[in-house]
Amino acid sequence: SGLVARVGMELFRSRLQRWDVASAAQ
């Protein structure tokens, strides 16, 4: 991945993990 994509993924990773866990509860 390019630098921009890599930084973007790092920024959103924890937020997406939290959403992934929360959505599993449904």
PDB file of all heavy atoms in Angstrom:
ATOM      1  N   SER A   1       0.847  -1.184   0.000  1.00  0.00           N
ATOM      2  CA  SER A   1       0.000   0.000   0.000  1.00  0.00           C
ATOM      3  C   SER A   1       0.885   1.238   0.000  1.00  0.00           C
ATOM      4  O   SER A   1       1.983   1.241   0.561  1.00  0.00           O
ATOM      5  CB  SER A   1      -0.907   0.024   1.238  1.00  0.00           C
ATOM      6  OG  SER A   1      -1.767  -1.081   1.251  1.00  0.00           O
ATOM      7  N   GLY A   2       0.375   2.294  -0.610  1.00  0.00           N
ATOM      8  CA  GLY A   2       1.086   3.552  -0.573  1.00  0.00           C
ATOM      9  C   GLY A   2       1.052   4.150   0.817  1.00  0.00           C
ATOM     10  O   GLY A   2       0.303   3.703   1.690  1.00  0.00           O
ATOM     11  N   LEU A   3       1.868   5.173   1.021  1.00  0.00           N
ATOM     12  CA  LEU A   3       1.965   5.796   2.340  1.00  0.00           C
ATOM     13  C   LEU A   3       0.628   6.342   2.805  1.00  0.00           C
ATOM     14  O   LEU A   3       0.227   6.161   3.958  1.00  0.00           O
ATOM     15  CB  LEU A   3       3.009   6.919   2.307  1.00  0.00           C
ATOM     16  CG  LEU A   3       3.197   7.701   3.612  1.00  0.00           C
ATOM     17  CD1 LEU A   3       3.657   6.773   4.730  1.00  0.00           C
ATOM     18  CD2 LEU A   3       4.191   8.844   3.408  1.00  0.00           C
ATOM     19  N   VAL A   4      -0.118   6.998   1.894  1.00  0.00           N
ATOM     20  CA  VAL A   4      -1.404   7.586   2.272  1.00  0.00           C
ATOM     21  C   VAL A   4      -2.379   6.498   2.706  1.00  0.00           C
ATOM     22  O   VAL A   4      -3.056   6.612   3.732  1.00  0.00           O
ATOM     23  CB  VAL A   4      -1.985   8.407   1.108  1.00  0.00           C
ATOM     24  CG1 VAL A   4      -3.395   8.895   1.451  1.00  0.00           C
ATOM     25  CG2 VAL A   4      -1.073   9.603   0.797  1.00  0.00           C
ATOM     26  N   ALA A   5      -2.441   5.422   1.915  1.00  0.00           N
ATOM     27  CA  ALA A   5      -3.351   4.324   2.260  1.00  0.00           C
ATOM     28  C   ALA A   5      -2.952   3.679   3.577  1.00  0.00           C
ATOM     29  O   ALA A   5      -3.805   3.337   4.404  1.00  0.00           O
ATOM     30  CB  ALA A   5      -3.364   3.287   1.137  1.00  0.00           C
ATOM     31  N   ARG A   6      -1.644   3.521   3.783  1.00  0.00           N
ATOM     32  CA  ARG A   6      -1.161   2.904   5.010  1.00  0.00           C
ATOM     33  C   ARG A   6      -1.532   3.752   6.233  1.00  0.00           C
ATOM     34  O   ARG A   6      -2.054   3.241   7.222  1.00  0.00           O
ATOM     35  CB  ARG A   6       0.360   2.753   4.937  1.00  0.00           C
ATOM     36  CG  ARG A   6       1.035   2.355   6.242  1.00  0.00           C
ATOM     37  CD  ARG A   6       0.928   0.889   6.518  1.00  0.00           C
ATOM     38  NE  ARG A   6       1.422   0.549   7.843  1.00  0.00           N
ATOM     39  CZ  ARG A   6       1.623  -0.685   8.265  1.00  0.00           C
ATOM     40  NH1 ARG A   6       1.385  -1.699   7.471  1.00  0.00           N
ATOM     41  NH2 ARG A   6       2.061  -0.920   9.482  1.00  0.00           N
ATOM     42  N   VAL A   7      -1.290   5.052   6.161  1.00  0.00           N
ATOM     43  CA  VAL A   7      -1.624   5.942   7.278  1.00  0.00           C
ATOM     44  C   VAL A   7      -3.121   5.952   7.520  1.00  0.00           C
ATOM     45  O   VAL A   7      -3.595   5.913   8.661  1.00  0.00           O
ATOM     46  CB  VAL A   7      -1.090   7.362   7.008  1.00  0.00           C
ATOM     47  CG1 VAL A   7      -1.614   8.334   8.055  1.00  0.00           C
ATOM     48  CG2 VAL A   7       0.431   7.365   6.995  1.00  0.00           C
ATOM     49  N   GLY A   8      -3.899   5.970   6.419  1.00  0.00           N
ATOM     50  CA  GLY A   8      -5.348   5.955   6.550  1.00  0.00           C
ATOM     51  C   GLY A   8      -5.842   4.707   7.252  1.00  0.00           C
ATOM     52  O   GLY A   8      -6.710   4.767   8.133  1.00  0.00           O
ATOM     53  N   MET A   9      -5.286   3.565   6.872  1.00  0.00           N
ATOM     54  CA  MET A   9      -5.681   2.316   7.511  1.00  0.00           C
ATOM     55  C   MET A   9      -5.322   2.304   8.993  1.00  0.00           C
ATOM     56  O   MET A   9      -6.097   1.833   9.831  1.00  0.00           O
ATOM     57  CB  MET A   9      -5.005   1.145   6.793  1.00  0.00           C
ATOM     58  CG  MET A   9      -5.624   0.799   5.459  1.00  0.00           C
ATOM     59  SD  MET A   9      -7.284   0.096   5.643  1.00  0.00           S
ATOM     60  CE  MET A   9      -6.894  -1.497   6.372  1.00  0.00           C
ATOM     61  N   GLU A  10      -4.145   2.818   9.319  1.00  0.00           N
ATOM     62  CA  GLU A  10      -3.739   2.872  10.727  1.00  0.00           C
ATOM     63  C   GLU A  10      -4.705   3.743  11.532  1.00  0.00           C
ATOM     64  O   GLU A  10      -5.065   3.412  12.667  1.00  0.00           O
ATOM     65  CB  GLU A  10      -2.316   3.427  10.845  1.00  0.00           C
ATOM     66  CG  GLU A  10      -1.225   2.498  10.344  1.00  0.00           C
ATOM     67  CD  GLU A  10      -0.907   1.377  11.321  1.00  0.00           C
ATOM     68  OE1 GLU A  10      -1.592   1.271  12.361  1.00  0.00           O
ATOM     69  OE2 GLU A  10       0.019   0.606  11.023  1.00  0.00           O
ATOM     70  N   LEU A  11      -5.143   4.865  10.947  1.00  0.00           N
ATOM     71  CA  LEU A  11      -6.043   5.780  11.646  1.00  0.00           C
ATOM     72  C   LEU A  11      -7.406   5.151  11.903  1.00  0.00           C
ATOM     73  O   LEU A  11      -8.011   5.353  12.956  1.00  0.00           O
ATOM     74  CB  LEU A  11      -6.206   7.070  10.843  1.00  0.00           C
ATOM     75  CG  LEU A  11      -5.008   8.016  10.801  1.00  0.00           C
ATOM     76  CD1 LEU A  11      -5.270   9.165   9.839  1.00  0.00           C
ATOM     77  CD2 LEU A  11      -4.721   8.565  12.198  1.00  0.00           C
ATOM     78  N   PHE A  12      -7.897   4.390  10.939  1.00  0.00           N
ATOM     79  CA  PHE A  12      -9.243   3.846  11.046  1.00  0.00           C
ATOM     80  C   PHE A  12      -9.297   2.449  11.648  1.00  0.00           C
ATOM     81  O   PHE A  12     -10.377   1.955  11.961  1.00  0.00           O
ATOM     82  CB  PHE A  12      -9.895   3.821   9.654  1.00  0.00           C
ATOM     83  CG  PHE A  12     -10.347   5.170   9.169  1.00  0.00           C
ATOM     84  CD1 PHE A  12      -9.614   5.849   8.222  1.00  0.00           C
ATOM     85  CD2 PHE A  12     -11.497   5.748   9.677  1.00  0.00           C
ATOM     86  CE1 PHE A  12     -10.026   7.096   7.768  1.00  0.00           C
ATOM     87  CE2 PHE A  12     -11.920   6.987   9.240  1.00  0.00           C
ATOM     88  CZ  PHE A  12     -11.186   7.668   8.275  1.00  0.00           C
ATOM     89  N   ARG A  13      -8.144   1.801  11.806  1.00  0.00           N
ATOM     90  CA  ARG A  13      -8.156   0.399  12.207  1.00  0.00           C
ATOM     91  C   ARG A  13      -8.882   0.169  13.528  1.00  0.00           C
ATOM     92  O   ARG A  13      -9.756  -0.705  13.621  1.00  0.00           O
ATOM     93  CB  ARG A  13      -6.728  -0.136  12.300  1.00  0.00           C
ATOM     94  CG  ARG A  13      -6.681  -1.621  12.608  1.00  0.00           C
ATOM     95  CD  ARG A  13      -5.273  -2.128  12.798  1.00  0.00           C
ATOM     96  NE  ARG A  13      -5.238  -3.569  12.979  1.00  0.00           N
ATOM     97  CZ  ARG A  13      -4.156  -4.263  13.319  1.00  0.00           C
ATOM     98  NH1 ARG A  13      -2.996  -3.626  13.519  1.00  0.00           N
ATOM     99  NH2 ARG A  13      -4.214  -5.573  13.472  1.00  0.00           N
ATOM    100  N   SER A  14      -8.533   0.901  14.568  1.00  0.00           N
ATOM    101  CA  SER A  14      -9.136   0.650  15.876  1.00  0.00           C
ATOM    102  C   SER A  14     -10.631   0.950  15.857  1.00  0.00           C
ATOM    103  O   SER A  14     -11.427   0.240  16.490  1.00  0.00           O
ATOM    104  CB  SER A  14      -8.438   1.470  16.966  1.00  0.00           C
ATOM    105  OG  SER A  14      -8.550   2.852  16.695  1.00  0.00           O
ATOM    106  N   ARG A  15     -11.029   1.980  15.110  1.00  0.00           N
ATOM    107  CA  ARG A  15     -12.448   2.310  15.015  1.00  0.00           C
ATOM    108  C   ARG A  15     -13.219   1.178  14.318  1.00  0.00           C
ATOM    109  O   ARG A  15     -14.305   0.790  14.750  1.00  0.00           O
ATOM    110  CB  ARG A  15     -12.632   3.619  14.245  1.00  0.00           C
ATOM    111  CG  ARG A  15     -14.082   4.078  14.139  1.00  0.00           C
ATOM    112  CD  ARG A  15     -14.213   5.346  13.320  1.00  0.00           C
ATOM    113  NE  ARG A  15     -13.443   6.433  13.902  1.00  0.00           N
ATOM    114  CZ  ARG A  15     -13.341   7.645  13.337  1.00  0.00           C
ATOM    115  NH1 ARG A  15     -13.935   7.887  12.182  1.00  0.00           N
ATOM    116  NH2 ARG A  15     -12.646   8.581  13.929  1.00  0.00           N
ATOM    117  N   LEU A  16     -12.637   0.642  13.245  1.00  0.00           N
ATOM    118  CA  LEU A  16     -13.286  -0.448  12.527  1.00  0.00           C
ATOM    119  C   LEU A  16     -13.332  -1.720  13.371  1.00  0.00           C
ATOM    120  O   LEU A  16     -14.303  -2.478  13.310  1.00  0.00           O
ATOM    121  CB  LEU A  16     -12.565  -0.706  11.204  1.00  0.00           C
ATOM    122  CG  LEU A  16     -12.757   0.371  10.131  1.00  0.00           C
ATOM    123  CD1 LEU A  16     -11.796   0.148   8.972  1.00  0.00           C
ATOM    124  CD2 LEU A  16     -14.199   0.386   9.627  1.00  0.00           C
ATOM    125  N   GLN A  17     -12.294  -1.957  14.164  1.00  0.00           N
ATOM    126  CA  GLN A  17     -12.322  -3.114  15.054  1.00  0.00           C
ATOM    127  C   GLN A  17     -13.462  -2.995  16.066  1.00  0.00           C
ATOM    128  O   GLN A  17     -14.186  -3.972  16.323  1.00  0.00           O
ATOM    129  CB  GLN A  17     -10.982  -3.249  15.781  1.00  0.00           C
ATOM    130  CG  GLN A  17      -9.849  -3.760  14.922  1.00  0.00           C
ATOM    131  CD  GLN A  17      -8.531  -3.811  15.669  1.00  0.00           C
ATOM    132  OE1 GLN A  17      -8.306  -3.049  16.623  1.00  0.00           O
ATOM    133  NE2 GLN A  17      -7.639  -4.689  15.250  1.00  0.00           N
ATOM    134  N   ARG A  18     -13.623  -1.807  16.636  1.00  0.00           N
ATOM    135  CA  ARG A  18     -14.704  -1.612  17.609  1.00  0.00           C
ATOM    136  C   ARG A  18     -16.070  -1.821  16.953  1.00  0.00           C
ATOM    137  O   ARG A  18     -16.960  -2.445  17.532  1.00  0.00           O
ATOM    138  CB  ARG A  18     -14.615  -0.217  18.236  1.00  0.00           C
ATOM    139  CG  ARG A  18     -13.432  -0.034  19.179  1.00  0.00           C
ATOM    140  CD  ARG A  18     -13.587   1.228  20.024  1.00  0.00           C
ATOM    141  NE  ARG A  18     -13.613   2.435  19.205  1.00  0.00           N
ATOM    142  CZ  ARG A  18     -12.520   3.107  18.837  1.00  0.00           C
ATOM    143  NH1 ARG A  18     -11.312   2.697  19.207  1.00  0.00           N
ATOM    144  NH2 ARG A  18     -12.627   4.210  18.122  1.00  0.00           N
ATOM    145  N   TRP A  19     -16.225  -1.296  15.743  1.00  0.00           N
ATOM    146  CA  TRP A  19     -17.486  -1.488  15.032  1.00  0.00           C
ATOM    147  C   TRP A  19     -17.716  -2.962  14.719  1.00  0.00           C
ATOM    148  O   TRP A  19     -18.831  -3.478  14.853  1.00  0.00           O
ATOM    149  CB  TRP A  19     -17.490  -0.678  13.731  1.00  0.00           C
ATOM    150  CG  TRP A  19     -18.763  -0.888  12.943  1.00  0.00           C
ATOM    151  CD1 TRP A  19     -19.943  -0.227  13.094  1.00  0.00           C
ATOM    152  CD2 TRP A  19     -18.984  -1.866  11.911  1.00  0.00           C
ATOM    153  NE1 TRP A  19     -20.888  -0.724  12.230  1.00  0.00           N
ATOM    154  CE2 TRP A  19     -20.319  -1.730  11.484  1.00  0.00           C
ATOM    155  CE3 TRP A  19     -18.176  -2.830  11.310  1.00  0.00           C
ATOM    156  CZ2 TRP A  19     -20.875  -2.523  10.471  1.00  0.00           C
ATOM    157  CZ3 TRP A  19     -18.715  -3.629  10.308  1.00  0.00           C
ATOM    158  CH2 TRP A  19     -20.044  -3.476   9.894  1.00  0.00           C
ATOM    159  N   ASP A  20     -16.671  -3.655  14.313  1.00  0.00           N
ATOM    160  CA  ASP A  20     -16.786  -5.062  13.970  1.00  0.00           C
ATOM    161  C   ASP A  20     -17.273  -5.876  15.162  1.00  0.00           C
ATOM    162  O   ASP A  20     -18.155  -6.740  15.026  1.00  0.00           O
ATOM    163  CB  ASP A  20     -15.433  -5.580  13.473  1.00  0.00           C
ATOM    164  CG  ASP A  20     -15.524  -6.920  12.775  1.00  0.00           C
ATOM    165  OD1 ASP A  20     -16.469  -7.111  11.989  1.00  0.00           O
ATOM    166  OD2 ASP A  20     -14.654  -7.771  13.010  1.00  0.00           O
ATOM    167  N   VAL A  21     -16.719  -5.612  16.321  1.00  0.00           N
ATOM    168  CA  VAL A  21     -17.133  -6.326  17.540  1.00  0.00           C
ATOM    169  C   VAL A  21     -18.563  -5.955  17.915  1.00  0.00           C
ATOM    170  O   VAL A  21     -19.386  -6.824  18.249  1.00  0.00           O
ATOM    171  CB  VAL A  21     -16.164  -6.024  18.701  1.00  0.00           C
ATOM    172  CG1 VAL A  21     -16.693  -6.614  20.011  1.00  0.00           C
ATOM    173  CG2 VAL A  21     -14.780  -6.568  18.395  1.00  0.00           C
ATOM    174  N   ALA A  22     -18.887  -4.656  17.856  1.00  0.00           N
ATOM    175  CA  ALA A  22     -20.230  -4.218  18.235  1.00  0.00           C
ATOM    176  C   ALA A  22     -21.291  -4.800  17.301  1.00  0.00           C
ATOM    177  O   ALA A  22     -22.362  -5.223  17.745  1.00  0.00           O
ATOM    178  CB  ALA A  22     -20.301  -2.693  18.228  1.00  0.00           C
ATOM    179  N   SER A  23     -21.000  -4.836  16.000  1.00  0.00           N
ATOM    180  CA  SER A  23     -21.973  -5.349  15.046  1.00  0.00           C
ATOM    181  C   SER A  23     -22.186  -6.848  15.220  1.00  0.00           C
ATOM    182  O   SER A  23     -23.272  -7.371  14.935  1.00  0.00           O
ATOM    183  CB  SER A  23     -21.544  -5.036  13.611  1.00  0.00           C
ATOM    184  OG  SER A  23     -20.352  -5.720  13.270  1.00  0.00           O
ATOM    185  N   ALA A  24     -21.162  -7.561  15.699  1.00  0.00           N
ATOM    186  CA  ALA A  24     -21.303  -8.998  15.933  1.00  0.00           C
ATOM    187  C   ALA A  24     -22.357  -9.296  16.991  1.00  0.00           C
ATOM    188  O   ALA A  24     -22.991 -10.360  16.970  1.00  0.00           O
ATOM    189  CB  ALA A  24     -19.960  -9.599  16.345  1.00  0.00           C
ATOM    190  N   ALA A  25     -22.554  -8.361  17.912  1.00  0.00           N
ATOM    191  CA  ALA A  25     -23.535  -8.570  18.976  1.00  0.00           C
ATOM    192  C   ALA A  25     -24.963  -8.596  18.448  1.00  0.00           C
ATOM    193  O   ALA A  25     -25.876  -9.073  19.139  1.00  0.00           O
ATOM    194  CB  ALA A  25     -23.388  -7.475  20.033  1.00  0.00           C
ATOM    195  N   GLN A  26     -25.175  -8.091  17.234  1.00  0.00           N
ATOM    196  CA  GLN A  26     -26.522  -8.057  16.657  1.00  0.00           C
ATOM    197  C   GLN A  26     -26.898  -9.376  15.975  1.00  0.00           C
ATOM    198  O   GLN A  26     -28.042  -9.552  15.570  1.00  0.00           O
ATOM    199  CB  GLN A  26     -26.611  -6.918  15.637  1.00  0.00           C
ATOM    200  CG  GLN A  26     -26.278  -5.550  16.200  1.00  0.00           C
ATOM    201  CD  GLN A  26     -26.290  -4.481  15.130  1.00  0.00           C
ATOM    202  OE1 GLN A  26     -27.269  -4.331  14.408  1.00  0.00           O
ATOM    203  NE2 GLN A  26     -25.204  -3.744  15.007  1.00  0.00           N
TER     204      GLN A  26
END
